[in-house]
Amino acid sequence: MLMRTDPFREIDRLTEQFFGTTARPAVMHLDAYRDGEHFYAAFDLPGVDPDSIDCTVERNVLTVRAERRRPAGEAVEMVAAERPMGTFTRQLFLGDTLDTDNLQASYDNGVLTLRIPVAERAKPRRVAIAAAGNGRRQIDA
């Protein structure tokens, strides 16, 4: 018995994995970087109502959840529905060197930006060195 398979099945699977589906949206994209004494994480969330965004830190795990909804109402008739809808979630594991108690968040032009200061204990500091006969000196650690 010869079984026929859909030649586009694998392409459809990969496309759904990358772009998501209506039932399971794709993960939100992010940029993460350090600039001086702050760590930044910028999440792409276009078309998301800021009130639907939930950002939590538990231990060293940062979780961002957001929801994009379709327009609703009796007079609404969808003509095309290609944008992923639903709940988006992303988790980041943060190092102990970040001061998560002073995390700041802003949402502008569809981008959620988190600004987390580097903890004092992780910043470079001067260490006093006792030198025999010469007194104390400081060097950068």
Protein backbone atom coordinates (compact mmCIF):
# COMPACT_ATOMS: atom_id res chain seq x y z
CA MET A 1 0.00 0.00 0.00
CA LEU A 2 1.44 3.36 -1.05
CA MET A 3 0.93 6.18 1.46
CA ARG A 4 0.90 9.70 0.15
CA THR A 5 2.02 12.53 2.32
CA ASP A 6 1.44 16.21 1.95
CA PRO A 7 4.72 17.72 0.65
CA PHE A 8 3.94 21.00 2.43
CA ARG A 9 3.21 19.44 5.82
CA GLU A 10 6.74 20.02 7.15
CA ILE A 11 6.79 23.60 5.84
CA ASP A 12 3.45 24.27 7.55
CA ARG A 13 4.78 22.80 10.80
CA LEU A 14 7.91 24.97 10.71
CA THR A 15 5.88 28.07 9.83
CA GLU A 16 3.54 27.48 12.78
CA GLN A 17 6.52 26.92 15.07
CA PHE A 18 8.11 30.24 14.03
CA PHE A 19 5.03 32.45 13.66
CA GLY A 20 2.68 30.64 16.04
CA THR A 21 -0.99 29.89 15.54
CA THR A 22 -4.18 31.52 16.74
CA ALA A 23 -4.42 28.95 19.53
CA ARG A 24 -0.71 29.15 20.45
CA PRO A 25 0.95 32.46 19.52
CA ALA A 26 4.68 32.64 18.91
CA VAL A 27 7.00 33.79 21.65
CA MET A 28 7.62 37.53 21.97
CA HIS A 29 10.94 38.67 20.52
CA LEU A 30 13.43 40.50 22.69
CA ASP A 31 16.75 42.30 22.75
CA ALA A 32 18.80 42.16 25.95
CA TYR A 33 21.94 44.21 26.60
CA ARG A 34 24.00 45.93 29.25
CA ASP A 35 24.75 49.63 29.01
CA GLY A 36 27.03 50.87 31.78
CA GLU A 37 25.48 50.11 35.15
CA HIS A 38 22.10 48.94 33.80
CA PHE A 39 20.79 45.82 32.09
CA TYR A 40 17.99 46.29 29.52
CA ALA A 41 15.45 43.88 28.05
CA ALA A 42 13.20 45.17 25.23
CA PHE A 43 10.21 43.00 24.24
CA ASP A 44 8.27 43.47 20.99
CA LEU A 45 4.57 43.67 21.86
CA PRO A 46 2.88 45.64 19.04
CA GLY A 47 -0.86 46.14 19.38
CA VAL A 48 -0.93 45.00 23.01
CA ASP A 49 -2.98 46.99 25.51
CA PRO A 50 -0.56 48.12 28.26
CA ASP A 51 -3.15 47.10 30.88
CA SER A 52 -2.83 43.46 29.72
CA ILE A 53 0.92 43.36 30.40
CA ASP A 54 2.00 41.58 33.59
CA CYS A 55 5.65 41.61 34.65
CA THR A 56 6.79 39.67 37.73
CA VAL A 57 10.09 38.69 39.31
CA GLU A 58 10.24 35.66 41.57
CA ARG A 59 13.66 34.77 42.89
CA ASN A 60 15.75 35.41 39.77
CA VAL A 61 13.10 34.55 37.17
CA LEU A 62 11.52 37.43 35.26
CA THR A 63 8.18 36.56 33.65
CA VAL A 64 6.42 38.80 31.13
CA ARG A 65 2.85 38.03 30.05
CA ALA A 66 0.77 40.05 27.61
CA GLU A 67 -2.44 39.54 25.70
CA ARG A 68 -3.49 40.76 22.26
CA ARG A 69 -7.24 40.55 21.57
CA ARG A 70 -9.26 40.82 18.39
CA PRO A 71 -11.82 43.62 18.12
CA ALA A 72 -15.15 42.48 19.54
CA GLY A 73 -18.70 43.62 19.19
CA GLU A 74 -21.89 42.91 17.31
CA ALA A 75 -20.97 45.16 14.41
CA VAL A 76 -17.42 43.75 14.02
CA GLU A 77 -16.98 41.53 10.98
CA MET A 78 -13.45 40.19 10.48
CA VAL A 79 -12.34 40.39 6.86
CA ALA A 80 -8.79 39.16 7.46
CA ALA A 81 -7.28 37.73 10.65
CA GLU A 82 -3.57 37.07 10.16
CA ARG A 83 -1.99 38.60 13.25
CA PRO A 84 -1.38 36.20 16.15
CA MET A 85 -3.76 36.77 19.05
CA GLY A 86 -3.86 35.38 22.54
CA THR A 87 -1.50 35.33 25.51
CA PHE A 88 2.23 35.73 24.99
CA THR A 89 4.69 34.66 27.69
CA ARG A 90 8.45 34.96 28.03
CA GLN A 91 10.75 34.11 30.93
CA LEU A 92 14.30 35.29 31.55
CA PHE A 93 16.66 33.90 34.15
CA LEU A 94 18.45 36.87 35.72
CA GLY A 95 21.85 36.70 37.35
CA ASP A 96 22.48 37.50 41.00
CA THR A 97 24.37 40.59 39.88
CA LEU A 98 21.15 42.50 39.08
CA ASP A 99 19.14 44.61 41.53
CA THR A 100 15.63 43.34 40.70
CA ASP A 101 14.12 45.34 43.58
CA ASN A 102 14.73 48.50 41.53
CA LEU A 103 13.50 47.23 38.15
CA GLN A 104 11.74 49.86 36.03
CA ALA A 105 9.37 49.14 33.12
CA SER A 106 8.07 51.36 30.32
CA TYR A 107 5.90 50.66 27.26
CA ASP A 108 6.31 52.87 24.20
CA ASN A 109 5.46 52.30 20.53
CA GLY A 110 4.71 48.62 21.09
CA VAL A 111 7.96 47.90 22.94
CA LEU A 112 8.12 46.95 26.63
CA THR A 113 11.51 48.02 27.98
CA LEU A 114 12.78 46.83 31.35
CA ARG A 115 15.70 48.63 33.00
CA ILE A 116 17.44 46.76 35.81
CA PRO A 117 20.37 48.28 37.70
CA VAL A 118 23.51 46.24 38.29
CA ALA A 119 23.72 45.43 42.02
CA GLU A 120 26.26 47.35 44.08
CA ARG A 121 28.04 44.12 45.02
CA ALA A 122 28.68 43.39 41.33
CA LYS A 123 30.23 46.78 40.50
CA PRO A 124 34.01 47.20 40.37
CA ARG A 125 35.40 48.66 43.58
CA ARG A 126 38.71 49.69 45.05
CA VAL A 127 40.36 47.29 47.48
CA ALA A 128 42.81 48.49 50.12
CA ILE A 129 46.09 46.57 50.05
CA ALA A 130 48.36 46.50 53.07
CA ALA A 131 51.96 46.80 51.95
CA ALA A 132 54.77 45.89 54.34
CA GLY A 133 56.55 49.04 55.46
CA ASN A 134 54.89 51.36 52.90
CA GLY A 135 51.46 51.83 54.48
CA ARG A 136 48.22 51.19 52.65
CA ARG A 137 47.55 51.59 48.92
CA GLN A 138 44.44 51.11 46.80
CA ILE A 139 44.25 49.19 43.55
CA ASP A 140 41.31 48.50 41.25
CA ALA A 141 39.76 45.10 41.68
